[in-house]
Amino acid sequence: MLLLTFLGNPKEYRQTTYWWDGKEKQTRFAPVASCVFHNADRMIVFLTGEAERNWYKPLLEELPPGVATEPVRDIPLGKKDTELWEIFNRICTAVPPEEEVVFDITHGFRSSPLITMLAAAFLRASNKINLKAVMYGAFEAAENNRTPMFDLTPMIRLLDWSAASDRFIRTGDARYLASLVREQQKPLAFSSGSDKNRQAEAGRLGALSATLEEISQSLALMRPEDAMQVISDLPARLVQAQPALQRATGAAPFQFLLEEVNHSFQPLAHSQPRDDQRLVERLHVERGMIAWYAGHEYWMQAVCLGREWLVNWVMWKLGYPDLVAEARDEVEKLLNQAARGNSSALSALSPLPDAKTIANLWRNIGDTRNDILHAGMRKTPVRAKNLVAIIKARIADLEQLPI
C-alpha cells in the first residue's frame, strides 16, 4: 500500500491522538496515523525546501518501522497557475501505475489539498490507480486532544456524478447514472443486516438502476415499444427508491437529478403501445421520440425511426388497426410504387392529405436512411456534414403531418 502526502512548514505540528474506524494513533503527523490505519508500507512525501529542512526528519522519526519513504523535493508554493499545474503533474508522475494508493491531504499547504484531490480523482478515473482512501485529519474538530480523521473518497465520487449528469443532460444516456445508483445497493443491503424492510429498500434501488439501463438500451437500439413501456414504469420506480436514496449518502447527488431524469423521459412514455384503441397516442409519443433523438444528436436513430413512423402514420390514415401487422409490408410496397409515380398506387393513397407529397417524403427519408445504413457505400454518398441538415429537414416534414 502506497501513501502519498504533502508536508507544509507551520511553526509547529501539535501532538494529538488521531482516530478513525475504531483505530487510534498518537502522533504529530496525520500521515503517520494514515500509514498505521491503512497498513501502508511506502510513503511519497511532497516537500517544499523549507518543509524538508524543518519537518521531514521529524516525520521519519515517527513513522512505523519498515515504511519506505520517497521525498519529492522542491515543490513550488503555487503562487501562479503554472506552479499549480506543475504540482498536479508531479503528483500524477510520482504514482506508479496500477498502484493501491491512500492520499493524506491533512498537512497540505495553500491549494495543494485541492490539487491533490483533483489529481486523485483524475488518476482514479483514468484507471491508473486503485484509490483506497483520501484521508483528512480534522484538527479543528478535535476534542480533548483527540482528532477525528475522515475518508473523503465519497466526495471524489461527486466528480463521477458530475460526469454522469453531464452525459445524461447532453446525450440522454442514463447508463452511467444507473451504474452509480447500483453501486449504492450493495453497501445498503449489507448495512441492513436482517432487517427485511431495509433489504427490500436496497432491492428497489437495484430495480431503479435496471430501469434506467433498460431505457437507455431500448432507445439506443431503437426499440420504441420497449422504451415507451419501461419509461412508463419510471415514476413508480423513482418513488419506490426514495427511502433507499435518502439513506445512501453516496447517492445524494442523484436526488438533484430526479426531476431532470423524469422530465426528460416522460414525454416518451406509453404503457400500452400495442393497444389499438390508443394508436393516436402512440403516434404522438413516437414522433416525440424522433424529436428526442434529434435533440440529443442521435441522427441515425432519428431518421430510421422517422421512416418507420411514416409507415405507421400511413397505416393509421388508411384504417389499419395494427401497425405491425402483415399488411405493413404491403403498405411499404404501395409507398414505393407511389414514389415511382404509379397512378394506381397514388390512387390507393388518396385518403392521405396529399398522396404525392407523402410519396416524395417516403422516397427522400428512405434514401437518407439507406445512405446511413449502407455506410455511404454508394456512387453519390452524402457528406457527413450535410446529412444532419437533411435529417432535420426530413423530421420537420414529419412534424407537419396531421394526427
Protein backbone atom coordinates (compact mmCIF):
# COMPACT_ATOMS: atom_id res chain seq x y z
CA MET A 1 0.00 0.00 0.00
CA LEU A 2 1.35 3.40 -1.02
CA LEU A 3 0.58 6.58 0.90
CA LEU A 4 1.04 9.96 -0.78
CA THR A 5 1.09 13.14 1.24
CA PHE A 6 2.24 16.76 1.42
CA LEU A 7 4.15 18.34 4.27
CA GLY A 8 3.87 22.06 4.92
CA ASN A 9 6.02 24.35 7.02
CA PRO A 10 3.98 25.58 10.01
CA LYS A 11 5.52 26.87 13.22
CA GLU A 12 4.69 23.56 14.87
CA TYR A 13 2.92 20.24 14.41
CA ARG A 14 0.99 19.55 17.61
CA GLN A 15 0.79 16.15 19.23
CA THR A 16 -2.71 14.65 19.13
CA THR A 17 -4.46 11.30 19.02
CA TYR A 18 -5.90 10.72 15.58
CA TRP A 19 -8.79 8.26 15.41
CA TRP A 20 -10.64 6.61 12.54
CA ASP A 21 -12.68 3.46 12.08
CA GLY A 22 -12.06 2.24 15.63
CA LYS A 23 -8.29 2.78 15.42
CA GLU A 24 -6.09 5.33 17.18
CA LYS A 25 -2.58 6.71 16.76
CA GLN A 26 -0.85 9.38 18.81
CA THR A 27 1.46 11.48 16.64
CA ARG A 28 2.17 15.00 15.45
CA PHE A 29 1.73 14.00 11.81
CA ALA A 30 -1.54 12.87 10.28
CA PRO A 31 0.22 10.86 7.51
CA VAL A 32 1.80 8.72 10.22
CA ALA A 33 -1.68 7.89 11.51
CA SER A 34 -2.89 7.19 7.96
CA CYS A 35 0.06 4.83 7.47
CA VAL A 36 -0.95 2.91 10.56
CA PHE A 37 -4.67 2.88 9.78
CA HIS A 38 -4.15 1.56 6.25
CA ASN A 39 -1.03 -0.57 6.80
CA ALA A 40 0.92 1.41 4.22
CA ASP A 41 4.46 0.18 3.65
CA ARG A 42 5.59 3.05 1.39
CA MET A 43 5.18 6.79 1.53
CA ILE A 44 5.79 9.52 -1.05
CA VAL A 45 6.17 12.91 0.62
CA PHE A 46 5.90 16.15 -1.37
CA LEU A 47 8.09 18.82 0.20
CA THR A 48 8.96 22.44 -0.27
CA GLY A 49 12.54 23.35 0.57
CA GLU A 50 11.58 24.75 3.98
CA ALA A 51 9.34 21.79 4.84
CA GLU A 52 12.15 19.39 4.06
CA ARG A 53 14.66 21.27 6.21
CA ASN A 54 12.34 21.67 9.20
CA TRP A 55 9.93 18.74 9.27
CA TYR A 56 10.96 15.82 7.05
CA LYS A 57 13.32 14.24 9.59
CA PRO A 58 10.80 14.55 12.49
CA LEU A 59 8.20 12.90 10.25
CA LEU A 60 10.53 9.99 9.53
CA GLU A 61 11.21 9.53 13.23
CA GLU A 62 7.53 8.93 13.96
CA LEU A 63 6.85 6.54 11.10
CA PRO A 64 6.35 2.86 11.93
CA PRO A 65 9.42 0.68 11.30
CA GLY A 66 9.75 -0.66 7.78
CA VAL A 67 7.88 2.13 6.00
CA ALA A 68 9.96 3.14 2.98
CA THR A 69 9.86 6.83 2.14
CA GLU A 70 10.49 8.75 -1.07
CA PRO A 71 10.74 12.54 -0.93
CA VAL A 72 9.61 14.65 -3.86
CA ARG A 73 11.62 17.80 -3.33
CA ASP A 74 11.35 21.47 -4.19
CA ILE A 75 7.60 21.54 -4.72
CA PRO A 76 6.59 25.07 -5.77
CA LEU A 77 4.41 27.16 -3.48
CA GLY A 78 1.61 27.54 -6.02
CA LYS A 79 1.80 31.29 -6.33
CA LYS A 80 0.76 31.20 -10.00
CA ASP A 81 -1.18 28.89 -12.26
CA THR A 82 1.88 27.38 -13.90
CA GLU A 83 3.07 26.25 -10.47
CA LEU A 84 -0.34 24.71 -9.74
CA TRP A 85 -0.09 22.67 -12.93
CA GLU A 86 3.45 21.67 -12.02
CA ILE A 87 2.22 20.32 -8.69
CA PHE A 88 -0.57 18.41 -10.46
CA ASN A 89 1.86 16.92 -12.98
CA ARG A 90 4.35 15.90 -10.31
CA ILE A 91 1.65 14.09 -8.36
CA CYS A 92 0.49 12.21 -11.44
CA THR A 93 4.00 11.20 -12.49
CA ALA A 94 5.05 10.19 -8.97
CA VAL A 95 2.42 7.46 -8.62
CA PRO A 96 3.30 4.12 -10.24
CA PRO A 97 0.56 2.62 -12.44
CA GLU A 98 -1.91 0.09 -11.05
CA GLU A 99 -0.96 1.05 -7.50
CA GLU A 100 -3.23 0.90 -4.48
CA VAL A 101 -2.96 4.41 -3.06
CA VAL A 102 -4.00 6.33 0.03
CA PHE A 103 -3.78 10.12 -0.13
CA ASP A 104 -3.43 12.14 3.07
CA ILE A 105 -4.17 15.83 2.48
CA THR A 106 -4.14 16.99 6.10
CA HIS A 107 -0.86 18.94 6.06
CA GLY A 108 -1.02 20.23 2.52
CA PHE A 109 -0.09 23.87 2.10
CA ARG A 110 -2.21 26.50 0.35
CA SER A 111 -4.02 24.96 -2.63
CA SER A 112 -2.20 21.62 -2.57
CA PRO A 113 -5.07 19.73 -0.81
CA LEU A 114 -7.46 20.73 -3.59
CA ILE A 115 -4.93 19.86 -6.29
CA THR A 116 -4.26 16.53 -4.59
CA MET A 117 -7.98 15.75 -4.53
CA LEU A 118 -8.30 16.56 -8.21
CA ALA A 119 -5.21 14.53 -9.06
CA ALA A 120 -6.57 11.58 -7.07
CA ALA A 121 -9.88 11.84 -8.92
CA PHE A 122 -8.10 12.05 -12.28
CA LEU A 123 -5.83 9.08 -11.59
CA ARG A 124 -8.79 7.05 -10.38
CA ALA A 125 -10.96 7.96 -13.37
CA SER A 126 -8.18 7.11 -15.81
CA ASN A 127 -7.78 3.71 -14.14
CA LYS A 128 -4.14 4.39 -13.37
CA ILE A 129 -4.56 3.70 -9.65
CA ASN A 130 -6.82 1.89 -7.23
CA LEU A 131 -7.83 4.70 -4.91
CA LYS A 132 -8.12 3.29 -1.41
CA ALA A 133 -8.81 6.45 0.57
CA VAL A 134 -8.33 10.21 0.80
CA MET A 135 -7.64 10.94 4.45
CA TYR A 136 -8.08 14.25 6.25
CA GLY A 137 -7.31 14.88 9.89
CA ALA A 138 -9.86 17.42 11.11
CA PHE A 139 -7.76 19.14 13.77
CA GLU A 140 -10.33 21.90 14.05
CA ALA A 141 -12.84 19.25 15.24
CA ALA A 142 -10.54 17.88 17.95
CA GLU A 143 -11.94 17.32 21.44
CA ASN A 144 -9.80 16.54 24.44
CA ASN A 145 -6.82 16.41 22.08
CA ARG A 146 -8.46 13.61 20.07
CA THR A 147 -8.67 14.42 16.38
CA PRO A 148 -11.06 12.63 14.01
CA MET A 149 -9.90 11.59 10.56
CA PHE A 150 -12.28 11.43 7.64
CA ASP A 151 -12.09 9.48 4.41
CA LEU A 152 -13.10 11.97 1.72
CA THR A 153 -13.25 9.40 -1.07
CA PRO A 154 -17.07 9.64 -1.28
CA MET A 155 -16.67 13.33 -2.06
CA ILE A 156 -14.47 12.44 -5.03
CA ARG A 157 -17.39 10.44 -6.35
CA LEU A 158 -19.13 13.77 -6.79
CA LEU A 159 -16.96 14.13 -9.89
CA ASP A 160 -18.33 10.79 -11.10
CA TRP A 161 -21.85 12.09 -10.57
CA SER A 162 -20.93 15.29 -12.37
CA ALA A 163 -19.67 13.31 -15.35
CA ALA A 164 -22.78 11.12 -15.32
CA SER A 165 -25.03 14.16 -15.09
CA ASP A 166 -23.25 15.85 -17.97
CA ARG A 167 -23.54 12.71 -20.10
CA PHE A 168 -27.23 12.39 -19.35
CA ILE A 169 -28.08 16.03 -19.98
CA ARG A 170 -26.08 16.17 -23.20
CA THR A 171 -26.89 12.75 -24.65
CA GLY A 172 -29.84 11.36 -22.71
CA ASP A 173 -27.74 8.28 -21.88
CA ALA A 174 -28.61 7.24 -18.32
CA ARG A 175 -26.39 4.15 -18.14
CA TYR A 176 -23.61 5.87 -16.21
CA LEU A 177 -26.16 7.25 -13.75
CA ALA A 178 -27.60 3.75 -13.44
CA SER A 179 -24.19 2.28 -12.61
CA LEU A 180 -23.63 4.87 -9.87
CA VAL A 181 -27.06 4.18 -8.39
CA ARG A 182 -26.34 0.44 -8.49
CA GLU A 183 -23.06 0.97 -6.60
CA GLN A 184 -25.10 2.13 -3.62
CA GLN A 185 -27.22 -1.02 -3.46
CA LYS A 186 -24.61 -3.42 -2.06
CA PRO A 187 -23.48 -1.32 0.94
CA LEU A 188 -27.11 -0.53 1.74
CA ALA A 189 -28.05 -4.21 1.64
CA PHE A 190 -25.02 -5.08 3.76
CA SER A 191 -25.82 -2.44 6.38
CA SER A 192 -29.45 -3.60 6.55
CA GLY A 193 -28.46 -6.80 8.36
CA SER A 194 -31.56 -8.91 8.99
CA ASP A 195 -33.98 -6.03 8.54
CA LYS A 196 -36.24 -7.23 5.73
CA ASN A 197 -37.71 -3.80 5.08
CA ARG A 198 -34.27 -2.24 4.65
CA GLN A 199 -33.22 -5.10 2.40
CA ALA A 200 -36.33 -4.51 0.27
CA GLU A 201 -35.44 -0.81 0.05
CA ALA A 202 -31.97 -1.70 -1.24
CA GLY A 203 -33.56 -4.01 -3.78
CA ARG A 204 -35.71 -1.16 -5.09
CA LEU A 205 -32.54 0.82 -5.69
CA GLY A 206 -31.37 -2.03 -7.92
CA ALA A 207 -34.71 -2.01 -9.72
CA LEU A 208 -34.34 1.71 -10.43
CA SER A 209 -30.84 1.17 -11.81
CA ALA A 210 -32.09 -1.65 -14.04
CA THR A 211 -34.94 0.53 -15.31
CA LEU A 212 -32.57 3.36 -16.26
CA GLU A 213 -30.29 0.94 -18.08
CA GLU A 214 -33.17 -0.66 -19.96
CA ILE A 215 -34.47 2.74 -21.04
CA SER A 216 -31.09 3.72 -22.44
CA GLN A 217 -30.59 0.36 -24.15
CA SER A 218 -34.07 0.43 -25.69
CA LEU A 219 -33.51 3.93 -27.06
CA ALA A 220 -30.01 3.16 -28.32
CA LEU A 221 -31.20 0.00 -30.09
CA MET A 222 -34.34 1.64 -31.47
CA ARG A 223 -36.90 -0.42 -29.63
CA PRO A 224 -39.60 2.25 -29.27
CA GLU A 225 -42.25 -0.03 -27.80
CA ASP A 226 -39.86 -1.33 -25.15
CA ALA A 227 -38.71 2.21 -24.36
CA MET A 228 -42.29 3.52 -24.04
CA GLN A 229 -43.29 0.76 -21.66
CA VAL A 230 -40.20 0.93 -19.43
CA ILE A 231 -40.36 4.73 -19.27
CA SER A 232 -43.97 4.49 -18.12
CA ASP A 233 -42.68 2.46 -15.15
CA LEU A 234 -40.00 5.02 -14.24
CA PRO A 235 -42.05 7.37 -11.97
CA ALA A 236 -43.09 4.45 -9.76
CA ARG A 237 -39.50 3.18 -9.63
CA LEU A 238 -38.30 6.64 -8.56
CA VAL A 239 -40.90 6.86 -5.78
CA GLN A 240 -40.15 3.33 -4.56
CA ALA A 241 -36.40 4.05 -4.46
CA GLN A 242 -36.74 7.28 -2.45
CA PRO A 243 -36.20 5.75 1.02
CA ALA A 244 -33.03 4.00 -0.13
CA LEU A 245 -31.77 7.08 -1.95
CA GLN A 246 -32.22 9.13 1.21
CA ARG A 247 -30.23 6.60 3.24
CA ALA A 248 -27.46 6.16 0.66
CA THR A 249 -25.25 9.20 1.18
CA GLY A 250 -23.25 8.28 -1.91
CA ALA A 251 -26.39 8.63 -4.00
CA ALA A 252 -27.32 12.06 -2.62
CA PRO A 253 -26.38 13.86 -5.88
CA PHE A 254 -28.95 11.74 -7.71
CA GLN A 255 -31.66 13.46 -5.67
CA PHE A 256 -30.90 16.69 -7.52
CA LEU A 257 -31.25 14.89 -10.86
CA LEU A 258 -34.54 13.09 -10.26
CA GLU A 259 -36.69 15.83 -11.73
CA GLU A 260 -34.42 16.19 -14.78
CA VAL A 261 -34.38 12.44 -15.41
CA ASN A 262 -38.15 12.13 -15.15
CA HIS A 263 -38.77 15.33 -17.15
CA SER A 264 -36.52 14.15 -19.98
CA PHE A 265 -38.07 10.71 -20.37
CA GLN A 266 -41.76 11.09 -19.50
CA PRO A 267 -42.87 12.54 -22.89
CA LEU A 268 -41.76 9.19 -24.33
CA ALA A 269 -43.91 7.08 -22.00
CA HIS A 270 -46.74 4.85 -23.21
CA SER A 271 -47.84 1.92 -21.07
CA GLN A 272 -49.60 0.02 -23.89
CA PRO A 273 -48.16 0.93 -27.30
CA ARG A 274 -49.84 -2.09 -28.95
CA ASP A 275 -53.32 -1.12 -27.77
CA ASP A 276 -55.28 -0.44 -30.97
CA GLN A 277 -57.51 1.94 -29.01
CA ARG A 278 -54.52 4.17 -28.31
CA LEU A 279 -52.90 4.41 -31.74
CA VAL A 280 -53.16 8.18 -31.86
CA GLU A 281 -51.36 8.45 -28.52
CA ARG A 282 -48.66 6.11 -29.79
CA LEU A 283 -48.15 8.21 -32.91
CA HIS A 284 -47.72 11.34 -30.83
CA VAL A 285 -45.27 9.66 -28.44
CA GLU A 286 -43.29 8.03 -31.23
CA ARG A 287 -42.96 11.30 -33.12
CA GLY A 288 -41.79 12.87 -29.87
CA MET A 289 -39.16 10.13 -29.66
CA ILE A 290 -37.88 11.14 -33.10
CA ALA A 291 -37.53 14.70 -31.85
CA TRP A 292 -35.80 13.39 -28.69
CA TYR A 293 -33.28 11.53 -30.84
CA ALA A 294 -32.59 14.62 -32.89
CA GLY A 295 -32.34 16.80 -29.80
CA HIS A 296 -29.62 14.52 -28.44
CA GLU A 297 -27.93 14.20 -31.83
CA TYR A 298 -28.77 10.54 -32.41
CA TRP A 299 -29.20 11.26 -36.10
CA MET A 300 -29.18 7.68 -37.34
CA GLN A 301 -31.86 6.62 -34.86
CA ALA A 302 -33.90 9.72 -35.68
CA VAL A 303 -34.05 9.07 -39.42
CA CYS A 304 -34.56 5.31 -39.04
CA LEU A 305 -37.43 5.72 -36.61
CA GLY A 306 -38.76 8.55 -38.76
CA ARG A 307 -39.02 6.20 -41.71
CA GLU A 308 -40.91 3.61 -39.63
CA TRP A 309 -43.14 6.28 -38.11
CA LEU A 310 -44.18 7.39 -41.59
CA VAL A 311 -45.35 3.85 -42.32
CA ASN A 312 -47.26 3.85 -39.03
CA TRP A 313 -48.91 7.15 -39.90
CA VAL A 314 -49.94 5.96 -43.37
CA MET A 315 -51.36 2.70 -41.96
CA TRP A 316 -53.36 4.68 -39.39
CA LYS A 317 -54.68 7.01 -42.08
CA LEU A 318 -55.65 4.05 -44.22
CA GLY A 319 -57.53 2.47 -41.32
CA TYR A 320 -55.25 -0.38 -40.29
CA PRO A 321 -55.78 -1.09 -36.56
CA ASP A 322 -52.48 -2.94 -36.08
CA LEU A 323 -49.31 -1.07 -37.02
CA VAL A 324 -47.13 -4.20 -37.02
CA ALA A 325 -49.49 -6.46 -38.94
CA GLU A 326 -48.51 -8.41 -42.07
CA ALA A 327 -50.14 -5.63 -44.08
CA ARG A 328 -47.15 -3.43 -43.14
CA ASP A 329 -45.10 -4.91 -45.98
CA GLU A 330 -47.94 -4.27 -48.40
CA VAL A 331 -48.18 -0.63 -47.32
CA GLU A 332 -44.43 -0.19 -47.81
CA LYS A 333 -44.70 -1.66 -51.32
CA LEU A 334 -47.57 0.70 -52.03
CA LEU A 335 -45.46 3.67 -50.91
CA ASN A 336 -42.55 2.50 -53.05
CA GLN A 337 -44.80 2.30 -56.11
CA ALA A 338 -46.30 5.71 -55.39
CA ALA A 339 -42.80 7.17 -55.04
CA ARG A 340 -42.12 5.94 -58.58
CA GLY A 341 -45.25 7.72 -59.81
CA ASN A 342 -47.51 4.68 -60.15
CA SER A 343 -51.00 6.11 -60.63
CA SER A 344 -52.89 3.18 -59.09
CA ALA A 345 -50.67 3.35 -56.00
CA LEU A 346 -51.26 7.09 -55.73
CA SER A 347 -54.96 6.44 -56.05
CA ALA A 348 -54.79 3.87 -53.25
CA LEU A 349 -53.18 6.54 -51.08
CA SER A 350 -55.91 9.07 -51.83
CA PRO A 351 -57.21 9.05 -48.23
CA LEU A 352 -53.98 10.83 -47.30
CA PRO A 353 -53.98 14.65 -47.30
CA ASP A 354 -51.56 14.83 -50.26
CA ALA A 355 -50.53 11.47 -51.69
CA LYS A 356 -47.78 12.89 -53.95
CA THR A 357 -46.19 14.83 -51.09
CA ILE A 358 -46.26 11.74 -48.86
CA ALA A 359 -44.77 9.61 -51.64
CA ASN A 360 -41.93 12.10 -52.12
CA LEU A 361 -41.29 12.24 -48.38
CA TRP A 362 -41.19 8.44 -48.30
CA ARG A 363 -38.64 8.36 -51.09
CA ASN A 364 -36.47 11.08 -49.53
CA ILE A 365 -36.45 9.74 -45.99
CA GLY A 366 -35.82 6.21 -47.23
CA ASP A 367 -32.90 7.41 -49.36
CA THR A 368 -31.38 9.24 -46.39
CA ARG A 369 -31.80 6.23 -44.13
CA ASN A 370 -30.22 3.91 -46.71
CA ASP A 371 -27.30 6.27 -47.21
CA ILE A 372 -26.55 6.00 -43.47
CA LEU A 373 -27.19 2.27 -43.00
CA HIS A 374 -25.06 1.36 -46.02
CA ALA A 375 -22.21 3.46 -44.59
CA GLY A 376 -22.15 5.68 -47.66
CA MET A 377 -21.20 2.73 -49.90
CA ARG A 378 -22.90 4.13 -52.99
CA LYS A 379 -21.97 6.17 -56.01
CA THR A 380 -23.03 9.52 -54.61
CA PRO A 381 -22.98 9.40 -50.80
CA VAL A 382 -23.96 12.50 -48.88
CA ARG A 383 -21.15 14.14 -46.93
CA ALA A 384 -21.49 13.71 -43.18
CA LYS A 385 -21.57 17.46 -42.61
CA ASN A 386 -24.61 17.72 -44.92
CA LEU A 387 -26.52 14.74 -43.51
CA VAL A 388 -27.52 16.50 -40.31
CA ALA A 389 -29.24 19.33 -42.17
CA ILE A 390 -31.02 16.81 -44.41
CA ILE A 391 -32.22 14.76 -41.44
CA LYS A 392 -33.50 17.91 -39.72
CA ALA A 393 -35.45 18.75 -42.85
CA ARG A 394 -36.98 15.28 -43.00
CA ILE A 395 -38.01 15.48 -39.34
CA ALA A 396 -39.56 18.89 -39.96
CA ASP A 397 -41.60 17.33 -42.79
CA LEU A 398 -42.83 14.59 -40.45
CA GLU A 399 -43.83 17.21 -37.89
CA GLN A 400 -46.20 18.76 -40.45
CA LEU A 401 -48.24 15.59 -40.88
CA PRO A 402 -51.56 15.90 -39.04
CA ILE A 403 -52.55 13.49 -36.31
